[in-house]
């Protein structure tokens, strides 16, 4: 049975937040000499599981020095707002949302560094999925915690240990040019592993980065193809993203039947289509959007 947590060694663990389904949303925990940092919190509903794992590892809540967010989308930040879904739906999806006192918040802009028991964590701006997104490099391992910038990598589609990654263009700040650059920057750091919130540790980074670049361009080209399709735009984009998922599952020789692969990506297909619409709307204000490959 899946234990719901994954130890990668060197003090790094992923805990399944059990958001919507198993192995969709990971909370990463970094432990150094009895002190802990939590990277991306999942939702408030995951807190009991997180506290239990911390206790099991001998790091009770008072040993947690930092709670770090790569970005504040709702599946990462415990449901930061009730305005989108309303109170009842928000609490069902994310649990009770409590404010953090301002004096406990540290801003981690480009180049910021914090120390976890002497283990330095360095922050890099990484826009493209969200303008405020950051990624974190762990000085001890050289590994990078990437949030959503290095895409979606669901373990169900792995084949014989070969991983894949698929970009997330969810609304409302998808920027293909910036996302290309953020991925290139992460690769330039030379990490042996990258940790994606969706889901867990990734290896073979150059190959996965090449796949992401190809698929980011494919998403942008899809959006441009249907930019002027009027009331059918969302339907066309949704169908197009679904076709990209289907084609990528075949390319990666996934063992999952086609319908199962599409089910794994069900919510992401819809969100990616919405994000492409938001990108088109933001880029057509006074100028024609250009393919990102022309800007690289």
C-alpha atoms as a PDB file:
ATOM      1  CA  UNK A   1       0.000   0.000   0.000  1.00  0.00           C
ATOM      2  CA  UNK A   2       1.213   3.506  -0.830  1.00  0.00           C
ATOM      3  CA  UNK A   3       2.472   4.955   2.488  1.00  0.00           C
ATOM      4  CA  UNK A   4       1.698   8.494   1.396  1.00  0.00           C
ATOM      5  CA  UNK A   5       5.217   9.748   1.983  1.00  0.00           C
ATOM      6  CA  UNK A   6       8.447   9.323   0.061  1.00  0.00           C
ATOM      7  CA  UNK A   7      11.929   9.605   1.555  1.00  0.00           C
ATOM      8  CA  UNK A   8      14.544  10.708  -0.972  1.00  0.00           C
ATOM      9  CA  UNK A   9      17.484  10.784   1.439  1.00  0.00           C
ATOM     10  CA  UNK A  10      19.631  13.771   2.469  1.00  0.00           C
ATOM     11  CA  UNK A  11      16.826  15.043   4.674  1.00  0.00           C
ATOM     12  CA  UNK A  12      14.239  15.431   1.894  1.00  0.00           C
ATOM     13  CA  UNK A  13      10.763  13.873   2.068  1.00  0.00           C
ATOM     14  CA  UNK A  14       7.571  14.332   0.050  1.00  0.00           C
ATOM     15  CA  UNK A  15       4.228  13.913   1.797  1.00  0.00           C
ATOM     16  CA  UNK A  16       1.098  13.301  -0.254  1.00  0.00           C
ATOM     17  CA  UNK A  17      -1.367  16.065   0.649  1.00  0.00           C
ATOM     18  CA  UNK A  18      -4.212  13.842  -0.655  1.00  0.00           C
ATOM     19  CA  UNK A  19      -5.733  16.835  -2.442  1.00  0.00           C
ATOM     20  CA  UNK A  20      -8.520  15.596  -4.748  1.00  0.00           C
ATOM     21  CA  UNK A  21      -6.731  12.268  -5.367  1.00  0.00           C
ATOM     22  CA  UNK A  22      -3.550  10.436  -4.277  1.00  0.00           C
ATOM     23  CA  UNK A  23      -0.191  11.599  -5.688  1.00  0.00           C
ATOM     24  CA  UNK A  24      -1.475  14.848  -7.104  1.00  0.00           C
ATOM     25  CA  UNK A  25      -0.106  17.380  -4.611  1.00  0.00           C
ATOM     26  CA  UNK A  26       3.134  16.995  -2.621  1.00  0.00           C
ATOM     27  CA  UNK A  27       4.295  18.785   0.496  1.00  0.00           C
ATOM     28  CA  UNK A  28       8.090  18.750   0.643  1.00  0.00           C
ATOM     29  CA  UNK A  29       9.831  18.589   4.008  1.00  0.00           C
ATOM     30  CA  UNK A  30      13.502  19.411   4.486  1.00  0.00           C
ATOM     31  CA  UNK A  31      15.169  18.375   7.768  1.00  0.00           C
ATOM     32  CA  UNK A  32      18.641  19.382   8.901  1.00  0.00           C
ATOM     33  CA  UNK A  33      20.063  18.596  12.347  1.00  0.00           C
ATOM     34  CA  UNK A  34      16.651  18.387  13.956  1.00  0.00           C
ATOM     35  CA  UNK A  35      15.300  21.562  12.353  1.00  0.00           C
ATOM     36  CA  UNK A  36      12.689  21.513   9.590  1.00  0.00           C
ATOM     37  CA  UNK A  37      11.434  23.584   6.678  1.00  0.00           C
ATOM     38  CA  UNK A  38       8.155  22.856   4.882  1.00  0.00           C
ATOM     39  CA  UNK A  39       8.077  23.756   1.191  1.00  0.00           C
ATOM     40  CA  UNK A  40       4.533  24.241  -0.154  1.00  0.00           C
ATOM     41  CA  UNK A  41       1.926  23.413   2.440  1.00  0.00           C
ATOM     42  CA  UNK A  42      -0.880  21.815   0.500  1.00  0.00           C
ATOM     43  CA  UNK A  43      -4.239  22.611   2.072  1.00  0.00           C
ATOM     44  CA  UNK A  44      -5.284  22.955   5.699  1.00  0.00           C
ATOM     45  CA  UNK A  45      -6.838  19.491   5.416  1.00  0.00           C
ATOM     46  CA  UNK A  46      -3.329  18.003   5.129  1.00  0.00           C
ATOM     47  CA  UNK A  47      -2.117  19.470   8.441  1.00  0.00           C
ATOM     48  CA  UNK A  48      -2.859  16.385  10.624  1.00  0.00           C
ATOM     49  CA  UNK A  49      -0.905  14.158   8.217  1.00  0.00           C
ATOM     50  CA  UNK A  50       1.951  16.633   8.147  1.00  0.00           C
ATOM     51  CA  UNK A  51       2.121  16.900  11.947  1.00  0.00           C
ATOM     52  CA  UNK A  52       2.076  13.115  12.259  1.00  0.00           C
ATOM     53  CA  UNK A  53       4.983  12.735   9.837  1.00  0.00           C
ATOM     54  CA  UNK A  54       6.986  15.445  11.610  1.00  0.00           C
ATOM     55  CA  UNK A  55       6.508  13.665  14.931  1.00  0.00           C
ATOM     56  CA  UNK A  56       7.543  10.371  13.364  1.00  0.00           C
ATOM     57  CA  UNK A  57      10.755  11.998  12.166  1.00  0.00           C
ATOM     58  CA  UNK A  58      11.503  13.491  15.588  1.00  0.00           C
ATOM     59  CA  UNK A  59      10.796  17.059  14.494  1.00  0.00           C
ATOM     60  CA  UNK A  60       7.704  18.326  16.346  1.00  0.00           C
ATOM     61  CA  UNK A  61       6.015  21.566  15.242  1.00  0.00           C
ATOM     62  CA  UNK A  62       8.321  23.711  17.387  1.00  0.00           C
ATOM     63  CA  UNK A  63      11.253  22.388  15.305  1.00  0.00           C
ATOM     64  CA  UNK A  64       9.827  23.913  12.109  1.00  0.00           C
ATOM     65  CA  UNK A  65      11.815  27.071  11.383  1.00  0.00           C
ATOM     66  CA  UNK A  66      10.312  27.954   7.987  1.00  0.00           C
ATOM     67  CA  UNK A  67       7.145  27.405   5.971  1.00  0.00           C
ATOM     68  CA  UNK A  68       8.080  28.287   2.395  1.00  0.00           C
ATOM     69  CA  UNK A  69       5.686  28.865  -0.514  1.00  0.00           C
ATOM     70  CA  UNK A  70       6.906  28.741  -4.100  1.00  0.00           C
ATOM     71  CA  UNK A  71       3.710  30.599  -5.029  1.00  0.00           C
ATOM     72  CA  UNK A  72       0.304  31.225  -3.532  1.00  0.00           C
ATOM     73  CA  UNK A  73      -2.059  29.316  -5.781  1.00  0.00           C
ATOM     74  CA  UNK A  74      -4.802  27.702  -3.750  1.00  0.00           C
ATOM     75  CA  UNK A  75      -3.569  24.108  -3.885  1.00  0.00           C
ATOM     76  CA  UNK A  76      -0.202  25.174  -2.447  1.00  0.00           C
ATOM     77  CA  UNK A  77      -1.038  27.821   0.090  1.00  0.00           C
ATOM     78  CA  UNK A  78      -3.790  26.282   2.160  1.00  0.00           C
ATOM     79  CA  UNK A  79      -6.568  28.178   0.420  1.00  0.00           C
ATOM     80  CA  UNK A  80      -5.426  31.774   0.643  1.00  0.00           C
ATOM     81  CA  UNK A  81      -8.815  33.286  -0.189  1.00  0.00           C
ATOM     82  CA  UNK A  82     -12.509  32.549   0.141  1.00  0.00           C
ATOM     83  CA  UNK A  83     -13.537  34.994  -2.580  1.00  0.00           C
ATOM     84  CA  UNK A  84     -13.138  32.569  -5.478  1.00  0.00           C
ATOM     85  CA  UNK A  85     -15.192  29.621  -4.226  1.00  0.00           C
ATOM     86  CA  UNK A  86     -17.149  31.046  -1.292  1.00  0.00           C
ATOM     87  CA  UNK A  87     -16.789  30.015   2.338  1.00  0.00           C
ATOM     88  CA  UNK A  88     -18.516  26.618   2.183  1.00  0.00           C
ATOM     89  CA  UNK A  89     -16.701  25.332  -0.904  1.00  0.00           C
ATOM     90  CA  UNK A  90     -13.382  26.764   0.277  1.00  0.00           C
ATOM     91  CA  UNK A  91     -13.581  24.907   3.581  1.00  0.00           C
ATOM     92  CA  UNK A  92     -14.554  21.685   1.786  1.00  0.00           C
ATOM     93  CA  UNK A  93     -11.590  21.926  -0.596  1.00  0.00           C
ATOM     94  CA  UNK A  94      -8.967  23.578   1.591  1.00  0.00           C
ATOM     95  CA  UNK A  95     -10.112  23.419   5.224  1.00  0.00           C
ATOM     96  CA  UNK A  96     -10.281  26.384   7.571  1.00  0.00           C
ATOM     97  CA  UNK A  97      -8.023  29.173   6.355  1.00  0.00           C
ATOM     98  CA  UNK A  98      -6.276  31.121   9.110  1.00  0.00           C
ATOM     99  CA  UNK A  99      -4.270  34.325   8.575  1.00  0.00           C
ATOM    100  CA  UNK A 100      -0.535  34.529   9.250  1.00  0.00           C
ATOM    101  CA  UNK A 101       0.580  37.512  11.363  1.00  0.00           C
ATOM    102  CA  UNK A 102       2.462  39.965   9.112  1.00  0.00           C
ATOM    103  CA  UNK A 103       5.453  40.077  11.458  1.00  0.00           C
ATOM    104  CA  UNK A 104       6.086  36.362  10.808  1.00  0.00           C
ATOM    105  CA  UNK A 105       6.301  36.754   7.017  1.00  0.00           C
ATOM    106  CA  UNK A 106       9.657  36.979   5.216  1.00  0.00           C
ATOM    107  CA  UNK A 107       9.798  38.223   1.635  1.00  0.00           C
ATOM    108  CA  UNK A 108      12.081  36.023  -0.458  1.00  0.00           C
ATOM    109  CA  UNK A 109      12.894  38.012  -3.558  1.00  0.00           C
ATOM    110  CA  UNK A 110      15.557  37.102  -6.112  1.00  0.00           C
ATOM    111  CA  UNK A 111      18.826  36.295  -4.328  1.00  0.00           C
ATOM    112  CA  UNK A 112      17.309  35.957  -0.850  1.00  0.00           C
ATOM    113  CA  UNK A 113      18.954  33.347   1.367  1.00  0.00           C
ATOM    114  CA  UNK A 114      17.879  31.659   4.554  1.00  0.00           C
ATOM    115  CA  UNK A 115      19.715  29.171   6.745  1.00  0.00           C
ATOM    116  CA  UNK A 116      18.187  25.956   8.067  1.00  0.00           C
ATOM    117  CA  UNK A 117      20.621  24.848  10.795  1.00  0.00           C
ATOM    118  CA  UNK A 118      23.445  25.979   8.508  1.00  0.00           C
ATOM    119  CA  UNK A 119      21.912  24.491   5.365  1.00  0.00           C
ATOM    120  CA  UNK A 120      21.492  27.448   3.048  1.00  0.00           C
ATOM    121  CA  UNK A 121      18.455  27.837   0.826  1.00  0.00           C
ATOM    122  CA  UNK A 122      18.684  30.331  -2.033  1.00  0.00           C
ATOM    123  CA  UNK A 123      15.695  31.832  -3.852  1.00  0.00           C
ATOM    124  CA  UNK A 124      15.399  32.572  -7.571  1.00  0.00           C
ATOM    125  CA  UNK A 125      12.628  34.392  -9.399  1.00  0.00           C
ATOM    126  CA  UNK A 126      10.890  31.899 -11.696  1.00  0.00           C
ATOM    127  CA  UNK A 127       7.929  33.506 -13.507  1.00  0.00           C
ATOM    128  CA  UNK A 128       6.000  31.842 -16.296  1.00  0.00           C
ATOM    129  CA  UNK A 129       3.459  29.831 -14.316  1.00  0.00           C
ATOM    130  CA  UNK A 130       2.850  32.763 -11.974  1.00  0.00           C
ATOM    131  CA  UNK A 131       4.606  36.128 -11.919  1.00  0.00           C
ATOM    132  CA  UNK A 132       5.346  35.830  -8.187  1.00  0.00           C
ATOM    133  CA  UNK A 133       6.713  32.271  -8.422  1.00  0.00           C
ATOM    134  CA  UNK A 134      10.110  31.451  -6.897  1.00  0.00           C
ATOM    135  CA  UNK A 135      12.202  28.290  -6.880  1.00  0.00           C
ATOM    136  CA  UNK A 136      14.574  27.272  -4.103  1.00  0.00           C
ATOM    137  CA  UNK A 137      18.062  25.778  -4.443  1.00  0.00           C
ATOM    138  CA  UNK A 138      19.280  23.598  -1.572  1.00  0.00           C
ATOM    139  CA  UNK A 139      22.994  24.272  -0.994  1.00  0.00           C
ATOM    140  CA  UNK A 140      23.680  20.855   0.513  1.00  0.00           C
ATOM    141  CA  UNK A 141      22.457  18.806  -2.450  1.00  0.00           C
ATOM    142  CA  UNK A 142      22.263  21.340  -5.268  1.00  0.00           C
ATOM    143  CA  UNK A 143      18.689  20.170  -5.810  1.00  0.00           C
ATOM    144  CA  UNK A 144      15.890  22.597  -6.711  1.00  0.00           C
ATOM    145  CA  UNK A 145      12.352  22.827  -5.323  1.00  0.00           C
ATOM    146  CA  UNK A 146      10.411  23.994  -8.353  1.00  0.00           C
ATOM    147  CA  UNK A 147       6.766  24.293  -7.312  1.00  0.00           C
ATOM    148  CA  UNK A 148       4.886  24.298 -10.647  1.00  0.00           C
ATOM    149  CA  UNK A 149       7.592  25.871 -12.823  1.00  0.00           C
ATOM    150  CA  UNK A 150       9.004  22.486 -13.879  1.00  0.00           C
ATOM    151  CA  UNK A 151       5.579  21.200 -14.828  1.00  0.00           C
ATOM    152  CA  UNK A 152       3.302  18.331 -13.825  1.00  0.00           C
ATOM    153  CA  UNK A 153       4.837  14.891 -13.462  1.00  0.00           C
ATOM    154  CA  UNK A 154       2.320  12.343 -12.284  1.00  0.00           C
ATOM    155  CA  UNK A 155       3.799   9.012 -11.310  1.00  0.00           C
ATOM    156  CA  UNK A 156       0.941   7.065 -12.943  1.00  0.00           C
ATOM    157  CA  UNK A 157       2.408   7.823 -16.374  1.00  0.00           C
ATOM    158  CA  UNK A 158       5.982   6.731 -15.563  1.00  0.00           C
ATOM    159  CA  UNK A 159       7.210   3.732 -17.537  1.00  0.00           C
ATOM    160  CA  UNK A 160       9.874   1.478 -16.030  1.00  0.00           C
ATOM    161  CA  UNK A 161      11.220   4.386 -13.973  1.00  0.00           C
ATOM    162  CA  UNK A 162      11.284   6.798 -16.927  1.00  0.00           C
ATOM    163  CA  UNK A 163       9.594  10.017 -15.853  1.00  0.00           C
ATOM    164  CA  UNK A 164       7.864  12.694 -17.889  1.00  0.00           C
ATOM    165  CA  UNK A 165       6.833  16.310 -17.345  1.00  0.00           C
ATOM    166  CA  UNK A 166       3.957  18.305 -18.825  1.00  0.00           C
ATOM    167  CA  UNK A 167       3.625  22.094 -18.445  1.00  0.00           C
ATOM    168  CA  UNK A 168       0.886  23.671 -16.389  1.00  0.00           C
ATOM    169  CA  UNK A 169      -0.585  26.801 -17.978  1.00  0.00           C
ATOM    170  CA  UNK A 170      -3.334  27.293 -15.397  1.00  0.00           C
ATOM    171  CA  UNK A 171      -4.762  30.804 -15.009  1.00  0.00           C
ATOM    172  CA  UNK A 172      -4.089  33.525 -14.821  1.00  0.00           C
ATOM    173  CA  UNK A 173      -0.438  34.457 -15.365  1.00  0.00           C
ATOM    174  CA  UNK A 174       0.900  31.931 -17.885  1.00  0.00           C
ATOM    175  CA  UNK A 175       3.745  33.506 -19.863  1.00  0.00           C
ATOM    176  CA  UNK A 176       5.450  31.063 -22.254  1.00  0.00           C
ATOM    177  CA  UNK A 177       8.520  33.221 -22.891  1.00  0.00           C
ATOM    178  CA  UNK A 178       9.141  33.716 -19.166  1.00  0.00           C
ATOM    179  CA  UNK A 179       8.497  30.029 -18.484  1.00  0.00           C
ATOM    180  CA  UNK A 180      11.085  28.978 -21.074  1.00  0.00           C
ATOM    181  CA  UNK A 181      13.629  31.244 -19.408  1.00  0.00           C
ATOM    182  CA  UNK A 182      12.810  30.000 -15.901  1.00  0.00           C
ATOM    183  CA  UNK A 183      13.283  26.393 -16.993  1.00  0.00           C
ATOM    184  CA  UNK A 184      16.563  27.235 -18.693  1.00  0.00           C
ATOM    185  CA  UNK A 185      17.741  28.958 -15.536  1.00  0.00           C
ATOM    186  CA  UNK A 186      16.925  25.965 -13.349  1.00  0.00           C
ATOM    187  CA  UNK A 187      18.797  23.663 -15.729  1.00  0.00           C
ATOM    188  CA  UNK A 188      21.786  26.032 -15.687  1.00  0.00           C
ATOM    189  CA  UNK A 189      22.090  25.454 -11.938  1.00  0.00           C
ATOM    190  CA  UNK A 190      22.982  21.846 -12.732  1.00  0.00           C
ATOM    191  CA  UNK A 191      20.668  20.071 -10.275  1.00  0.00           C
ATOM    192  CA  UNK A 192      20.742  16.283 -10.145  1.00  0.00           C
ATOM    193  CA  UNK A 193      17.136  16.386  -8.958  1.00  0.00           C
ATOM    194  CA  UNK A 194      14.193  18.773  -9.097  1.00  0.00           C
ATOM    195  CA  UNK A 195      11.151  18.482  -6.821  1.00  0.00           C
ATOM    196  CA  UNK A 196       7.782  19.237  -8.397  1.00  0.00           C
ATOM    197  CA  UNK A 197       4.726  19.853  -6.271  1.00  0.00           C
ATOM    198  CA  UNK A 198       2.841  17.646  -8.747  1.00  0.00           C
ATOM    199  CA  UNK A 199       4.556  15.199  -7.914  1.00  0.00           C
ATOM    200  CA  UNK A 200       7.849  14.593  -6.115  1.00  0.00           C
ATOM    201  CA  UNK A 201      11.466  14.030  -7.115  1.00  0.00           C
ATOM    202  CA  UNK A 202      12.449  14.205 -10.793  1.00  0.00           C
ATOM    203  CA  UNK A 203      15.712  13.065 -12.345  1.00  0.00           C
ATOM    204  CA  UNK A 204      17.101  13.155 -15.919  1.00  0.00           C
ATOM    205  CA  UNK A 205      16.603  16.903 -15.846  1.00  0.00           C
ATOM    206  CA  UNK A 206      17.930  17.900 -19.321  1.00  0.00           C
ATOM    207  CA  UNK A 207      15.592  15.452 -21.081  1.00  0.00           C
ATOM    208  CA  UNK A 208      12.580  16.584 -19.067  1.00  0.00           C
ATOM    209  CA  UNK A 209      13.458  20.231 -19.734  1.00  0.00           C
ATOM    210  CA  UNK A 210      13.566  19.558 -23.482  1.00  0.00           C
ATOM    211  CA  UNK A 211      10.121  17.971 -23.264  1.00  0.00           C
ATOM    212  CA  UNK A 212       8.787  20.981 -21.360  1.00  0.00           C
ATOM    213  CA  UNK A 213      10.166  23.454 -23.911  1.00  0.00           C
ATOM    214  CA  UNK A 214       8.543  21.494 -26.746  1.00  0.00           C
ATOM    215  CA  UNK A 215       5.200  21.281 -24.944  1.00  0.00           C
ATOM    216  CA  UNK A 216       5.170  24.938 -23.861  1.00  0.00           C
ATOM    217  CA  UNK A 217       5.524  25.898 -27.524  1.00  0.00           C
ATOM    218  CA  UNK A 218       2.799  23.406 -28.426  1.00  0.00           C
ATOM    219  CA  UNK A 219       0.431  25.008 -25.898  1.00  0.00           C
ATOM    220  CA  UNK A 220       1.183  28.516 -27.153  1.00  0.00           C
ATOM    221  CA  UNK A 221       0.737  27.479 -30.780  1.00  0.00           C
ATOM    222  CA  UNK A 222      -2.575  25.840 -29.869  1.00  0.00           C
ATOM    223  CA  UNK A 223      -3.762  29.052 -28.236  1.00  0.00           C
ATOM    224  CA  UNK A 224      -2.782  31.159 -31.242  1.00  0.00           C
ATOM    225  CA  UNK A 225      -4.508  28.741 -33.617  1.00  0.00           C
ATOM    226  CA  UNK A 226      -7.843  29.259 -31.886  1.00  0.00           C
ATOM    227  CA  UNK A 227      -7.396  32.857 -30.752  1.00  0.00           C
ATOM    228  CA  UNK A 228     -10.187  34.113 -33.028  1.00  0.00           C
ATOM    229  CA  UNK A 229     -12.627  31.211 -32.709  1.00  0.00           C
ATOM    230  CA  UNK A 230     -15.163  33.225 -30.738  1.00  0.00           C
ATOM    231  CA  UNK A 231     -17.650  31.379 -28.570  1.00  0.00           C
ATOM    232  CA  UNK A 232     -16.005  28.066 -29.469  1.00  0.00           C
ATOM    233  CA  UNK A 233     -12.581  29.131 -28.223  1.00  0.00           C
ATOM    234  CA  UNK A 234     -12.723  27.383 -24.855  1.00  0.00           C
ATOM    235  CA  UNK A 235     -14.129  24.188 -26.359  1.00  0.00           C
ATOM    236  CA  UNK A 236     -11.397  24.184 -29.000  1.00  0.00           C
ATOM    237  CA  UNK A 237      -8.630  24.838 -26.478  1.00  0.00           C
ATOM    238  CA  UNK A 238      -9.902  22.152 -24.119  1.00  0.00           C
ATOM    239  CA  UNK A 239     -10.027  19.637 -26.947  1.00  0.00           C
ATOM    240  CA  UNK A 240      -6.561  20.720 -28.070  1.00  0.00           C
ATOM    241  CA  UNK A 241      -4.984  20.307 -24.619  1.00  0.00           C
ATOM    242  CA  UNK A 242      -6.636  16.901 -24.337  1.00  0.00           C
ATOM    243  CA  UNK A 243      -5.026  15.945 -27.656  1.00  0.00           C
ATOM    244  CA  UNK A 244      -1.625  17.097 -26.344  1.00  0.00           C
ATOM    245  CA  UNK A 245      -2.015  14.892 -23.267  1.00  0.00           C
ATOM    246  CA  UNK A 246      -3.057  11.939 -25.407  1.00  0.00           C
ATOM    247  CA  UNK A 247      -0.149  12.414 -27.819  1.00  0.00           C
ATOM    248  CA  UNK A 248       2.372  12.805 -24.984  1.00  0.00           C
ATOM    249  CA  UNK A 249       1.182   9.630 -23.272  1.00  0.00           C
ATOM    250  CA  UNK A 250       1.815   7.786 -26.558  1.00  0.00           C
ATOM    251  CA  UNK A 251       5.192   9.473 -27.052  1.00  0.00           C
ATOM    252  CA  UNK A 252       6.302   8.518 -23.543  1.00  0.00           C
ATOM    253  CA  UNK A 253       4.987   4.967 -24.071  1.00  0.00           C
ATOM    254  CA  UNK A 254       2.809   5.147 -20.985  1.00  0.00           C
ATOM    255  CA  UNK A 255       1.375   1.825 -19.850  1.00  0.00           C
ATOM    256  CA  UNK A 256      -1.877   3.529 -18.851  1.00  0.00           C
ATOM    257  CA  UNK A 257      -4.851   3.067 -21.171  1.00  0.00           C
ATOM    258  CA  UNK A 258      -5.732   6.297 -22.975  1.00  0.00           C
ATOM    259  CA  UNK A 259      -8.885   6.959 -20.958  1.00  0.00           C
ATOM    260  CA  UNK A 260      -6.993   6.489 -17.687  1.00  0.00           C
ATOM    261  CA  UNK A 261      -4.301   8.952 -18.756  1.00  0.00           C
ATOM    262  CA  UNK A 262      -6.959  11.505 -19.641  1.00  0.00           C
ATOM    263  CA  UNK A 263      -8.629  10.910 -16.264  1.00  0.00           C
ATOM    264  CA  UNK A 264      -5.344  11.625 -14.438  1.00  0.00           C
ATOM    265  CA  UNK A 265      -5.147  14.974 -16.276  1.00  0.00           C
ATOM    266  CA  UNK A 266      -8.869  15.746 -16.134  1.00  0.00           C
ATOM    267  CA  UNK A 267      -8.597  18.884 -13.992  1.00  0.00           C
ATOM    268  CA  UNK A 268      -5.343  20.028 -15.581  1.00  0.00           C
ATOM    269  CA  UNK A 269      -6.785  19.867 -19.077  1.00  0.00           C
ATOM    270  CA  UNK A 270      -9.516  22.287 -18.049  1.00  0.00           C
ATOM    271  CA  UNK A 271      -7.132  24.541 -16.123  1.00  0.00           C
ATOM    272  CA  UNK A 272      -4.574  24.626 -18.939  1.00  0.00           C
ATOM    273  CA  UNK A 273      -7.306  25.651 -21.389  1.00  0.00           C
ATOM    274  CA  UNK A 274      -8.433  28.426 -19.051  1.00  0.00           C
ATOM    275  CA  UNK A 275      -4.847  29.604 -18.661  1.00  0.00           C
ATOM    276  CA  UNK A 276      -4.337  29.760 -22.407  1.00  0.00           C
ATOM    277  CA  UNK A 277      -7.465  31.902 -22.719  1.00  0.00           C
ATOM    278  CA  UNK A 278      -6.144  34.260 -20.043  1.00  0.00           C
ATOM    279  CA  UNK A 279      -2.820  34.481 -21.887  1.00  0.00           C
ATOM    280  CA  UNK A 280      -4.558  35.282 -25.181  1.00  0.00           C
ATOM    281  CA  UNK A 281      -6.675  37.973 -23.554  1.00  0.00           C
ATOM    282  CA  UNK A 282      -3.676  39.588 -21.880  1.00  0.00           C
ATOM    283  CA  UNK A 283      -1.558  39.537 -25.044  1.00  0.00           C
ATOM    284  CA  UNK A 284      -4.170  40.824 -27.483  1.00  0.00           C
ATOM    285  CA  UNK A 285      -4.612  44.168 -25.746  1.00  0.00           C
ATOM    286  CA  UNK A 286      -3.204  46.450 -28.406  1.00  0.00           C
ATOM    287  CA  UNK A 287      -0.829  43.932 -29.991  1.00  0.00           C
ATOM    288  CA  UNK A 288      -0.879  40.586 -31.703  1.00  0.00           C
ATOM    289  CA  UNK A 289       0.557  37.760 -29.566  1.00  0.00           C
ATOM    290  CA  UNK A 290       3.672  36.112 -30.955  1.00  0.00           C
ATOM    291  CA  UNK A 291       4.772  32.507 -30.730  1.00  0.00           C
ATOM    292  CA  UNK A 292       7.204  32.151 -27.803  1.00  0.00           C
ATOM    293  CA  UNK A 293       9.705  30.330 -30.011  1.00  0.00           C
ATOM    294  CA  UNK A 294      10.206  33.641 -31.849  1.00  0.00           C
ATOM    295  CA  UNK A 295      11.284  35.276 -28.592  1.00  0.00           C
ATOM    296  CA  UNK A 296      13.822  32.720 -27.386  1.00  0.00           C
END
